[in-house]
Amino acid sequence: MSDTRKRTRKRFGGHAHKRQRGSRELEVGAQGVLITCNMNERKCTSEAFSLLNEYADALYGPEQPTDGPSEDEEGEEDAEAALKKEVSQIQSSMKKRQQRFSAVDSGANNVVFIRTHGVDPEELVHHILSDLHQTRKRKSRVILRMLPVSGTCRAFPEDMEKFLGEYLERWFKAPLRATYQICFKARNSSHSKRDDVIKAVAGLVDKMNPLHKVDLSNPELSIIIEIIKSVCCVSVVSDYMLFRKYNLQEVAKEPTNQSAGPQEAAKQTQEHECVEKAEGGDVSAGNGSKEAELE
């Protein structure tokens, strides 16, 4: 009897709860938007698609349908050239047919990842936060934070150092000069130690230009490092403190002090981050000699 029950359970989905691995997982090379929520990932994904499409249409225009590969100019091409042309057309068509936004498995609870195609994640997310900050309109119920991801690499020290050494040049290579902070968070990962990552990244920034200064209260730039399992997601954003650490719920609130600036906004945001602290809050730090601060 027990053997029959085991066979039946195995045949009819005893392991159906396991997530399938494949192309719809967060992987190295992806760009997109990392979104945190409070226990309702399905609703969060729906809200994210609605918001992203609304603002992407305003920034880039409505997403246009694309036609398949054309069949003209057959002419007198030989068989090999014709085959190469057909393969090229098919590949081009497949790229064009990629949706502007697609959801993938983030690899962590209460985290949604929306992969982007043909969109600048940093520009789009900043545009959303800027509008919410100006209008004070609340356009989501379950989305907490919305972080752009413009670069990804393997979450191992040697891979991160190599990738970030090139990635960060856009913002920090001399003669560029700015104040900055480093915000770090790891989920379901033990590949990289918090303090080691912060020291290494600060060292890379200092090597690019020693005139960069650390500012934990109102930096011009914030280096966001989010590690999920074996994937390191990276972005460099502006107005991080002004936009309440990119928290959609907080940025839409009327400030208690009408003249409050980024420093006051940061203090107000910290008072409302209990949910994310339960996950193990972000870490901000300046350089290797400064102590990390738990937000």
C-alpha atoms as a PDB file:
ATOM      1  CA  MET A   1       0.000   0.000   0.000  1.00  0.00           C
ATOM      2  CA  SER A   2       2.766   2.386   0.922  1.00  0.00           C
ATOM      3  CA  ASP A   3       4.615   1.538  -2.327  1.00  0.00           C
ATOM      4  CA  THR A   4       1.496   2.360  -4.365  1.00  0.00           C
ATOM      5  CA  ARG A   5       1.146   5.703  -2.563  1.00  0.00           C
ATOM      6  CA  LYS A   6       4.800   6.551  -3.249  1.00  0.00           C
ATOM      7  CA  ARG A   7       4.463   5.693  -6.936  1.00  0.00           C
ATOM      8  CA  THR A   8       1.296   7.777  -7.228  1.00  0.00           C
ATOM      9  CA  ARG A   9       2.871  10.805  -5.509  1.00  0.00           C
ATOM     10  CA  LYS A  10       5.938  10.569  -7.743  1.00  0.00           C
ATOM     11  CA  ARG A  11       3.851  10.227 -10.893  1.00  0.00           C
ATOM     12  CA  PHE A  12       1.470  13.094 -10.166  1.00  0.00           C
ATOM     13  CA  GLY A  13       3.829  15.860  -9.142  1.00  0.00           C
ATOM     14  CA  GLY A  14       5.422  15.118  -5.811  1.00  0.00           C
ATOM     15  CA  HIS A  15       8.103  17.696  -6.705  1.00  0.00           C
ATOM     16  CA  ALA A  16       5.921  20.186  -8.563  1.00  0.00           C
ATOM     17  CA  HIS A  17       6.671  22.879  -6.002  1.00  0.00           C
ATOM     18  CA  LYS A  18      10.286  23.137  -7.124  1.00  0.00           C
ATOM     19  CA  ARG A  19      11.108  26.013  -9.449  1.00  0.00           C
ATOM     20  CA  GLN A  20      12.307  24.934 -12.847  1.00  0.00           C
ATOM     21  CA  ARG A  21      15.732  26.064 -13.931  1.00  0.00           C
ATOM     22  CA  GLY A  22      16.143  27.669 -17.312  1.00  0.00           C
ATOM     23  CA  SER A  23      16.312  30.867 -19.280  1.00  0.00           C
ATOM     24  CA  ARG A  24      13.746  32.605 -17.056  1.00  0.00           C
ATOM     25  CA  GLU A  25      16.135  32.826 -14.117  1.00  0.00           C
ATOM     26  CA  LEU A  26      18.222  35.828 -13.158  1.00  0.00           C
ATOM     27  CA  GLU A  27      21.589  35.295 -14.815  1.00  0.00           C
ATOM     28  CA  VAL A  28      24.852  37.062 -15.544  1.00  0.00           C
ATOM     29  CA  GLY A  29      24.484  39.507 -18.426  1.00  0.00           C
ATOM     30  CA  ALA A  30      20.948  40.580 -17.540  1.00  0.00           C
ATOM     31  CA  GLN A  31      19.842  44.186 -17.224  1.00  0.00           C
ATOM     32  CA  GLY A  32      16.619  45.231 -15.601  1.00  0.00           C
ATOM     33  CA  VAL A  33      14.885  46.360 -12.449  1.00  0.00           C
ATOM     34  CA  LEU A  34      15.113  44.652  -9.058  1.00  0.00           C
ATOM     35  CA  ILE A  35      11.955  45.191  -7.022  1.00  0.00           C
ATOM     36  CA  THR A  36      11.265  44.314  -3.395  1.00  0.00           C
ATOM     37  CA  CYS A  37       7.786  43.713  -2.013  1.00  0.00           C
ATOM     38  CA  ASN A  38       5.956  42.544   1.077  1.00  0.00           C
ATOM     39  CA  MET A  39       4.881  38.916   0.650  1.00  0.00           C
ATOM     40  CA  ASN A  40       2.834  39.338  -2.575  1.00  0.00           C
ATOM     41  CA  GLU A  41       5.165  38.724  -5.514  1.00  0.00           C
ATOM     42  CA  ARG A  42       2.377  38.149  -8.032  1.00  0.00           C
ATOM     43  CA  LYS A  43       0.732  41.485  -7.265  1.00  0.00           C
ATOM     44  CA  CYS A  44       4.147  43.137  -7.199  1.00  0.00           C
ATOM     45  CA  THR A  45       4.949  41.810 -10.676  1.00  0.00           C
ATOM     46  CA  SER A  46       1.638  43.094 -12.013  1.00  0.00           C
ATOM     47  CA  GLU A  47       2.213  46.549 -10.525  1.00  0.00           C
ATOM     48  CA  ALA A  48       5.774  46.606 -11.853  1.00  0.00           C
ATOM     49  CA  PHE A  49       4.690  45.851 -15.424  1.00  0.00           C
ATOM     50  CA  SER A  50       2.036  48.566 -15.220  1.00  0.00           C
ATOM     51  CA  LEU A  51       4.424  51.204 -13.883  1.00  0.00           C
ATOM     52  CA  LEU A  52       7.326  50.349 -16.149  1.00  0.00           C
ATOM     53  CA  ASN A  53       5.191  50.291 -19.282  1.00  0.00           C
ATOM     54  CA  GLU A  54       3.491  53.573 -18.384  1.00  0.00           C
ATOM     55  CA  TYR A  55       6.743  55.471 -17.931  1.00  0.00           C
ATOM     56  CA  ALA A  56       8.635  53.664 -20.708  1.00  0.00           C
ATOM     57  CA  ASP A  57       5.925  54.671 -23.167  1.00  0.00           C
ATOM     58  CA  ALA A  58       6.335  58.275 -22.028  1.00  0.00           C
ATOM     59  CA  LEU A  59      10.151  58.144 -22.346  1.00  0.00           C
ATOM     60  CA  TYR A  60      10.648  55.980 -25.406  1.00  0.00           C
ATOM     61  CA  GLY A  61       7.254  55.848 -27.088  1.00  0.00           C
ATOM     62  CA  PRO A  62       4.871  52.869 -27.278  1.00  0.00           C
ATOM     63  CA  GLU A  63       6.395  49.498 -27.966  1.00  0.00           C
ATOM     64  CA  GLN A  64       6.107  48.818 -31.703  1.00  0.00           C
ATOM     65  CA  PRO A  65       5.250  45.424 -33.203  1.00  0.00           C
ATOM     66  CA  THR A  66       7.892  44.140 -35.601  1.00  0.00           C
ATOM     67  CA  ASP A  67       7.614  42.246 -38.853  1.00  0.00           C
ATOM     68  CA  GLY A  68       9.448  39.053 -39.671  1.00  0.00           C
ATOM     69  CA  PRO A  69      12.492  38.893 -41.931  1.00  0.00           C
ATOM     70  CA  SER A  70      12.032  40.135 -45.475  1.00  0.00           C
ATOM     71  CA  GLU A  71      12.436  37.839 -48.456  1.00  0.00           C
ATOM     72  CA  ASP A  72      13.666  40.272 -51.095  1.00  0.00           C
ATOM     73  CA  GLU A  73      17.027  40.508 -52.848  1.00  0.00           C
ATOM     74  CA  GLU A  74      17.306  36.779 -53.512  1.00  0.00           C
ATOM     75  CA  GLY A  75      18.982  37.565 -56.856  1.00  0.00           C
ATOM     76  CA  GLU A  76      21.981  35.537 -57.867  1.00  0.00           C
ATOM     77  CA  GLU A  77      23.398  34.807 -54.409  1.00  0.00           C
ATOM     78  CA  ASP A  78      25.055  31.463 -54.020  1.00  0.00           C
ATOM     79  CA  ALA A  79      23.677  28.928 -51.549  1.00  0.00           C
ATOM     80  CA  GLU A  80      26.161  29.682 -48.775  1.00  0.00           C
ATOM     81  CA  ALA A  81      25.605  33.446 -48.904  1.00  0.00           C
ATOM     82  CA  ALA A  82      21.834  32.962 -48.998  1.00  0.00           C
ATOM     83  CA  LEU A  83      21.989  30.694 -45.932  1.00  0.00           C
ATOM     84  CA  LYS A  84      24.103  33.200 -43.973  1.00  0.00           C
ATOM     85  CA  LYS A  85      21.687  35.963 -44.884  1.00  0.00           C
ATOM     86  CA  GLU A  86      18.684  33.931 -43.755  1.00  0.00           C
ATOM     87  CA  VAL A  87      20.316  33.072 -40.412  1.00  0.00           C
ATOM     88  CA  SER A  88      21.201  36.736 -39.875  1.00  0.00           C
ATOM     89  CA  GLN A  89      17.636  37.822 -40.647  1.00  0.00           C
ATOM     90  CA  ILE A  90      16.187  35.265 -38.245  1.00  0.00           C
ATOM     91  CA  GLN A  91      18.535  36.347 -35.436  1.00  0.00           C
ATOM     92  CA  SER A  92      17.713  40.005 -36.076  1.00  0.00           C
ATOM     93  CA  SER A  93      14.006  39.264 -36.044  1.00  0.00           C
ATOM     94  CA  MET A  94      14.271  37.348 -32.756  1.00  0.00           C
ATOM     95  CA  LYS A  95      16.030  40.287 -31.114  1.00  0.00           C
ATOM     96  CA  LYS A  96      13.363  42.704 -32.351  1.00  0.00           C
ATOM     97  CA  ARG A  97      10.597  40.467 -31.056  1.00  0.00           C
ATOM     98  CA  GLN A  98      11.942  40.474 -27.496  1.00  0.00           C
ATOM     99  CA  GLN A  99       9.502  42.154 -25.173  1.00  0.00           C
ATOM    100  CA  ARG A 100      10.541  45.414 -23.585  1.00  0.00           C
ATOM    101  CA  PHE A 101       9.918  43.885 -20.128  1.00  0.00           C
ATOM    102  CA  SER A 102       9.889  40.258 -19.004  1.00  0.00           C
ATOM    103  CA  ALA A 103       9.763  38.759 -15.514  1.00  0.00           C
ATOM    104  CA  VAL A 104      12.412  36.237 -14.452  1.00  0.00           C
ATOM    105  CA  ASP A 105      12.899  34.230 -11.272  1.00  0.00           C
ATOM    106  CA  SER A 106      15.006  36.428  -8.977  1.00  0.00           C
ATOM    107  CA  GLY A 107      16.147  33.571  -6.746  1.00  0.00           C
ATOM    108  CA  ALA A 108      14.984  35.251  -3.516  1.00  0.00           C
ATOM    109  CA  ASN A 109      11.719  35.618  -1.638  1.00  0.00           C
ATOM    110  CA  ASN A 110       9.933  38.973  -1.795  1.00  0.00           C
ATOM    111  CA  VAL A 111      12.128  40.045  -4.709  1.00  0.00           C
ATOM    112  CA  VAL A 112      10.951  40.425  -8.291  1.00  0.00           C
ATOM    113  CA  PHE A 113      13.298  40.944 -11.236  1.00  0.00           C
ATOM    114  CA  ILE A 114      12.011  42.486 -14.455  1.00  0.00           C
ATOM    115  CA  ARG A 115      14.457  42.085 -17.316  1.00  0.00           C
ATOM    116  CA  THR A 116      14.623  44.990 -19.763  1.00  0.00           C
ATOM    117  CA  HIS A 117      15.359  45.115 -23.498  1.00  0.00           C
ATOM    118  CA  GLY A 118      16.145  48.341 -25.331  1.00  0.00           C
ATOM    119  CA  VAL A 119      15.645  50.396 -22.171  1.00  0.00           C
ATOM    120  CA  ASP A 120      18.106  52.184 -19.860  1.00  0.00           C
ATOM    121  CA  PRO A 121      17.108  50.872 -16.390  1.00  0.00           C
ATOM    122  CA  GLU A 122      18.792  53.730 -14.501  1.00  0.00           C
ATOM    123  CA  GLU A 123      17.161  56.408 -16.633  1.00  0.00           C
ATOM    124  CA  LEU A 124      13.728  54.781 -16.444  1.00  0.00           C
ATOM    125  CA  VAL A 125      13.715  54.160 -12.678  1.00  0.00           C
ATOM    126  CA  HIS A 126      15.029  57.659 -11.945  1.00  0.00           C
ATOM    127  CA  HIS A 127      12.260  59.064 -14.143  1.00  0.00           C
ATOM    128  CA  ILE A 128       9.638  57.123 -12.171  1.00  0.00           C
ATOM    129  CA  LEU A 129      10.994  58.208  -8.785  1.00  0.00           C
ATOM    130  CA  SER A 130      11.342  61.816  -9.934  1.00  0.00           C
ATOM    131  CA  ASP A 131       7.704  61.942 -11.022  1.00  0.00           C
ATOM    132  CA  LEU A 132       6.434  60.334  -7.799  1.00  0.00           C
ATOM    133  CA  HIS A 133       8.562  62.742  -5.762  1.00  0.00           C
ATOM    134  CA  GLN A 134       7.136  65.751  -7.587  1.00  0.00           C
ATOM    135  CA  THR A 135       3.487  64.697  -7.791  1.00  0.00           C
ATOM    136  CA  ARG A 136       3.309  62.772  -4.486  1.00  0.00           C
ATOM    137  CA  LYS A 137       1.021  60.293  -6.230  1.00  0.00           C
ATOM    138  CA  ARG A 138       1.005  56.788  -4.843  1.00  0.00           C
ATOM    139  CA  LYS A 139       0.945  54.393  -7.791  1.00  0.00           C
ATOM    140  CA  SER A 140       1.660  51.073  -6.089  1.00  0.00           C
ATOM    141  CA  ARG A 141       0.341  49.124  -3.139  1.00  0.00           C
ATOM    142  CA  VAL A 142       2.862  46.328  -2.577  1.00  0.00           C
ATOM    143  CA  ILE A 143       6.064  47.514  -4.287  1.00  0.00           C
ATOM    144  CA  LEU A 144       8.602  48.730  -1.748  1.00  0.00           C
ATOM    145  CA  ARG A 145      11.853  49.564  -3.514  1.00  0.00           C
ATOM    146  CA  MET A 146      12.650  49.703  -7.216  1.00  0.00           C
ATOM    147  CA  LEU A 147      16.363  49.470  -8.028  1.00  0.00           C
ATOM    148  CA  PRO A 148      17.826  49.619 -11.540  1.00  0.00           C
ATOM    149  CA  VAL A 149      20.348  46.960 -12.542  1.00  0.00           C
ATOM    150  CA  SER A 150      22.551  48.027 -15.433  1.00  0.00           C
ATOM    151  CA  GLY A 151      25.291  45.443 -14.913  1.00  0.00           C
ATOM    152  CA  THR A 152      25.635  41.899 -13.600  1.00  0.00           C
ATOM    153  CA  CYS A 153      28.524  39.531 -12.960  1.00  0.00           C
ATOM    154  CA  ARG A 154      29.327  36.400 -10.980  1.00  0.00           C
ATOM    155  CA  ALA A 155      29.233  37.058  -7.243  1.00  0.00           C
ATOM    156  CA  PHE A 156      32.773  35.920  -6.514  1.00  0.00           C
ATOM    157  CA  PRO A 157      35.466  38.368  -5.379  1.00  0.00           C
ATOM    158  CA  GLU A 158      37.739  37.963  -8.410  1.00  0.00           C
ATOM    159  CA  ASP A 159      34.825  38.270 -10.874  1.00  0.00           C
ATOM    160  CA  MET A 160      33.373  41.301  -9.123  1.00  0.00           C
ATOM    161  CA  GLU A 161      36.706  43.122  -8.964  1.00  0.00           C
ATOM    162  CA  LYS A 162      37.356  42.542 -12.662  1.00  0.00           C
ATOM    163  CA  PHE A 163      33.855  43.599 -13.717  1.00  0.00           C
ATOM    164  CA  LEU A 164      33.587  46.649 -11.450  1.00  0.00           C
ATOM    165  CA  GLY A 165      37.060  47.831 -12.427  1.00  0.00           C
ATOM    166  CA  GLU A 166      35.662  48.578 -15.889  1.00  0.00           C
ATOM    167  CA  TYR A 167      32.012  49.228 -15.052  1.00  0.00           C
ATOM    168  CA  LEU A 168      32.628  52.060 -12.580  1.00  0.00           C
ATOM    169  CA  GLU A 169      34.872  54.046 -14.928  1.00  0.00           C
ATOM    170  CA  ARG A 170      31.832  55.723 -16.502  1.00  0.00           C
ATOM    171  CA  TRP A 171      31.189  57.595 -13.237  1.00  0.00           C
ATOM    172  CA  PHE A 172      34.507  57.646 -11.394  1.00  0.00           C
ATOM    173  CA  LYS A 173      37.436  57.675 -13.818  1.00  0.00           C
ATOM    174  CA  ALA A 174      39.552  60.844 -13.592  1.00  0.00           C
ATOM    175  CA  PRO A 175      38.980  63.702 -14.182  1.00  0.00           C
ATOM    176  CA  LEU A 176      35.442  62.893 -12.957  1.00  0.00           C
ATOM    177  CA  ARG A 177      34.969  63.791  -9.305  1.00  0.00           C
ATOM    178  CA  ALA A 178      32.017  63.132  -6.982  1.00  0.00           C
ATOM    179  CA  THR A 179      30.888  62.291  -3.481  1.00  0.00           C
ATOM    180  CA  TYR A 180      29.620  58.744  -3.115  1.00  0.00           C
ATOM    181  CA  GLN A 181      28.495  55.908  -0.886  1.00  0.00           C
ATOM    182  CA  ILE A 182      28.374  52.126  -1.298  1.00  0.00           C
ATOM    183  CA  CYS A 183      25.130  50.264  -0.526  1.00  0.00           C
ATOM    184  CA  PHE A 184      25.460  46.492  -0.201  1.00  0.00           C
ATOM    185  CA  LYS A 185      22.965  43.691   0.313  1.00  0.00           C
ATOM    186  CA  ALA A 186      23.272  39.918  -0.121  1.00  0.00           C
ATOM    187  CA  ARG A 187      20.451  37.382  -0.300  1.00  0.00           C
ATOM    188  CA  ASN A 188      20.855  33.607  -0.269  1.00  0.00           C
ATOM    189  CA  SER A 189      24.590  33.982  -0.803  1.00  0.00           C
ATOM    190  CA  SER A 190      27.797  33.474   1.124  1.00  0.00           C
ATOM    191  CA  HIS A 191      30.227  33.870  -1.763  1.00  0.00           C
ATOM    192  CA  SER A 192      31.340  37.392  -0.848  1.00  0.00           C
ATOM    193  CA  LYS A 193      31.802  38.940   2.573  1.00  0.00           C
ATOM    194  CA  ARG A 194      30.185  42.333   3.178  1.00  0.00           C
ATOM    195  CA  ASP A 195      33.246  44.132   4.512  1.00  0.00           C
ATOM    196  CA  ASP A 196      35.518  42.662   1.861  1.00  0.00           C
ATOM    197  CA  VAL A 197      33.244  43.828  -0.957  1.00  0.00           C
ATOM    198  CA  ILE A 198      32.930  47.339   0.465  1.00  0.00           C
ATOM    199  CA  LYS A 199      36.701  47.702   0.903  1.00  0.00           C
ATOM    200  CA  ALA A 200      37.406  46.342  -2.564  1.00  0.00           C
ATOM    201  CA  VAL A 201      34.900  48.645  -4.293  1.00  0.00           C
ATOM    202  CA  ALA A 202      36.091  51.696  -2.343  1.00  0.00           C
ATOM    203  CA  GLY A 203      39.638  50.797  -3.338  1.00  0.00           C
ATOM    204  CA  LEU A 204      38.682  50.682  -7.013  1.00  0.00           C
ATOM    205  CA  VAL A 205      37.016  54.099  -6.800  1.00  0.00           C
ATOM    206  CA  ASP A 206      40.031  55.586  -5.017  1.00  0.00           C
ATOM    207  CA  LYS A 207      42.362  54.153  -7.653  1.00  0.00           C
ATOM    208  CA  MET A 208      40.356  55.830 -10.432  1.00  0.00           C
ATOM    209  CA  ASN A 209      40.595  59.224  -8.740  1.00  0.00           C
ATOM    210  CA  PRO A 210      41.746  59.812  -5.124  1.00  0.00           C
ATOM    211  CA  LEU A 211      39.765  63.067  -5.078  1.00  0.00           C
ATOM    212  CA  HIS A 212      36.446  61.231  -4.758  1.00  0.00           C
ATOM    213  CA  LYS A 213      34.967  61.806  -1.299  1.00  0.00           C
ATOM    214  CA  VAL A 214      32.737  59.641   0.830  1.00  0.00           C
ATOM    215  CA  ASP A 215      29.399  61.098   1.931  1.00  0.00           C
ATOM    216  CA  LEU A 216      26.962  58.832   3.759  1.00  0.00           C
ATOM    217  CA  SER A 217      24.261  61.477   4.282  1.00  0.00           C
ATOM    218  CA  ASN A 218      23.853  63.177   0.916  1.00  0.00           C
ATOM    219  CA  PRO A 219      26.136  61.676  -1.767  1.00  0.00           C
ATOM    220  CA  GLU A 220      25.980  62.674  -5.396  1.00  0.00           C
ATOM    221  CA  LEU A 221      26.273  59.024  -6.438  1.00  0.00           C
ATOM    222  CA  SER A 222      25.324  55.760  -4.755  1.00  0.00           C
ATOM    223  CA  ILE A 223      26.905  52.481  -5.838  1.00  0.00           C
ATOM    224  CA  ILE A 224      24.233  49.800  -5.417  1.00  0.00           C
ATOM    225  CA  ILE A 225      25.437  46.209  -5.074  1.00  0.00           C
ATOM    226  CA  GLU A 226      22.739  43.538  -4.706  1.00  0.00           C
ATOM    227  CA  ILE A 227      23.858  39.914  -4.584  1.00  0.00           C
ATOM    228  CA  ILE A 228      21.354  37.095  -5.082  1.00  0.00           C
ATOM    229  CA  LYS A 229      22.802  33.599  -4.926  1.00  0.00           C
ATOM    230  CA  SER A 230      25.715  33.647  -7.386  1.00  0.00           C
ATOM    231  CA  VAL A 231      24.715  36.772  -9.339  1.00  0.00           C
ATOM    232  CA  CYS A 232      25.912  40.274  -8.442  1.00  0.00           C
ATOM    233  CA  CYS A 233      23.620  43.082  -9.629  1.00  0.00           C
ATOM    234  CA  VAL A 234      25.134  46.556  -9.879  1.00  0.00           C
ATOM    235  CA  SER A 235      24.055  50.112 -10.610  1.00  0.00           C
ATOM    236  CA  VAL A 236      25.184  53.661  -9.903  1.00  0.00           C
ATOM    237  CA  VAL A 237      22.310  56.025  -9.128  1.00  0.00           C
ATOM    238  CA  SER A 238      21.785  59.644  -8.211  1.00  0.00           C
ATOM    239  CA  ASP A 239      19.299  61.203  -5.753  1.00  0.00           C
ATOM    240  CA  TYR A 240      19.295  57.995  -3.703  1.00  0.00           C
ATOM    241  CA  MET A 241      18.684  59.756  -0.394  1.00  0.00           C
ATOM    242  CA  LEU A 242      16.339  62.376  -1.846  1.00  0.00           C
ATOM    243  CA  PHE A 243      14.167  59.605  -3.300  1.00  0.00           C
ATOM    244  CA  ARG A 244      14.099  57.768   0.036  1.00  0.00           C
ATOM    245  CA  LYS A 245      16.507  55.034  -1.066  1.00  0.00           C
ATOM    246  CA  TYR A 246      14.288  54.436  -4.098  1.00  0.00           C
ATOM    247  CA  ASN A 247      11.352  53.412  -1.922  1.00  0.00           C
ATOM    248  CA  LEU A 248       8.121  54.033  -3.851  1.00  0.00           C
ATOM    249  CA  GLN A 249       5.962  54.099  -0.740  1.00  0.00           C
ATOM    250  CA  GLU A 250       8.077  56.699   1.033  1.00  0.00           C
ATOM    251  CA  VAL A 251       8.897  58.974  -1.890  1.00  0.00           C
ATOM    252  CA  ALA A 252       5.198  59.599  -2.521  1.00  0.00           C
ATOM    253  CA  LYS A 253       4.545  60.740   1.049  1.00  0.00           C
ATOM    254  CA  GLU A 254       4.277  64.403   1.897  1.00  0.00           C
ATOM    255  CA  PRO A 255       7.339  65.385   3.959  1.00  0.00           C
ATOM    256  CA  THR A 256       6.615  66.224   7.581  1.00  0.00           C
ATOM    257  CA  ASN A 257       8.875  69.241   7.141  1.00  0.00           C
ATOM    258  CA  GLN A 258       8.187  71.056   3.866  1.00  0.00           C
ATOM    259  CA  SER A 259      11.776  72.295   3.721  1.00  0.00           C
ATOM    260  CA  ALA A 260      13.260  68.872   4.379  1.00  0.00           C
ATOM    261  CA  GLY A 261      16.220  68.043   2.185  1.00  0.00           C
ATOM    262  CA  PRO A 262      17.899  64.735   1.336  1.00  0.00           C
ATOM    263  CA  GLN A 263      19.352  64.280   4.841  1.00  0.00           C
ATOM    264  CA  GLU A 264      15.966  64.673   6.511  1.00  0.00           C
ATOM    265  CA  ALA A 265      14.377  62.482   3.844  1.00  0.00           C
ATOM    266  CA  ALA A 266      16.875  59.738   4.653  1.00  0.00           C
ATOM    267  CA  LYS A 267      16.025  59.917   8.360  1.00  0.00           C
ATOM    268  CA  GLN A 268      12.302  59.648   7.617  1.00  0.00           C
ATOM    269  CA  THR A 269      12.923  56.684   5.319  1.00  0.00           C
ATOM    270  CA  GLN A 270      14.873  54.787   7.968  1.00  0.00           C
ATOM    271  CA  GLU A 271      11.864  54.938  10.264  1.00  0.00           C
ATOM    272  CA  HIS A 272       9.780  52.959   7.770  1.00  0.00           C
ATOM    273  CA  GLU A 273      12.118  50.164   6.680  1.00  0.00           C
ATOM    274  CA  CYS A 274      11.220  47.516   9.246  1.00  0.00           C
ATOM    275  CA  VAL A 275      10.146  45.016   6.575  1.00  0.00           C
ATOM    276  CA  GLU A 276      13.456  45.135   4.748  1.00  0.00           C
ATOM    277  CA  LYS A 277      15.467  45.162   7.964  1.00  0.00           C
ATOM    278  CA  ALA A 278      13.846  41.835   8.758  1.00  0.00           C
ATOM    279  CA  GLU A 279      15.495  40.515   5.588  1.00  0.00           C
ATOM    280  CA  GLY A 280      18.879  41.908   6.668  1.00  0.00           C
ATOM    281  CA  GLY A 281      19.174  45.572   5.752  1.00  0.00           C
ATOM    282  CA  ASP A 282      21.441  47.318   3.330  1.00  0.00           C
ATOM    283  CA  VAL A 283      24.931  48.335   4.258  1.00  0.00           C
ATOM    284  CA  SER A 284      26.385  51.686   3.294  1.00  0.00           C
ATOM    285  CA  ALA A 285      30.040  52.493   3.553  1.00  0.00           C
ATOM    286  CA  GLY A 286      32.625  54.859   2.293  1.00  0.00           C
ATOM    287  CA  ASN A 287      36.152  53.537   2.069  1.00  0.00           C
ATOM    288  CA  GLY A 288      38.082  50.689   3.570  1.00  0.00           C
ATOM    289  CA  SER A 289      39.008  52.627   6.697  1.00  0.00           C
ATOM    290  CA  LYS A 290      35.477  53.722   7.513  1.00  0.00           C
ATOM    291  CA  GLU A 291      33.045  51.514   9.367  1.00  0.00           C
ATOM    292  CA  ALA A 292      30.026  50.189   7.539  1.00  0.00           C
ATOM    293  CA  GLU A 293      26.683  51.469   8.709  1.00  0.00           C
ATOM    294  CA  LEU A 294      23.612  49.282   8.849  1.00  0.00           C
ATOM    295  CA  GLU A 295      20.660  51.189   7.441  1.00  0.00           C
END
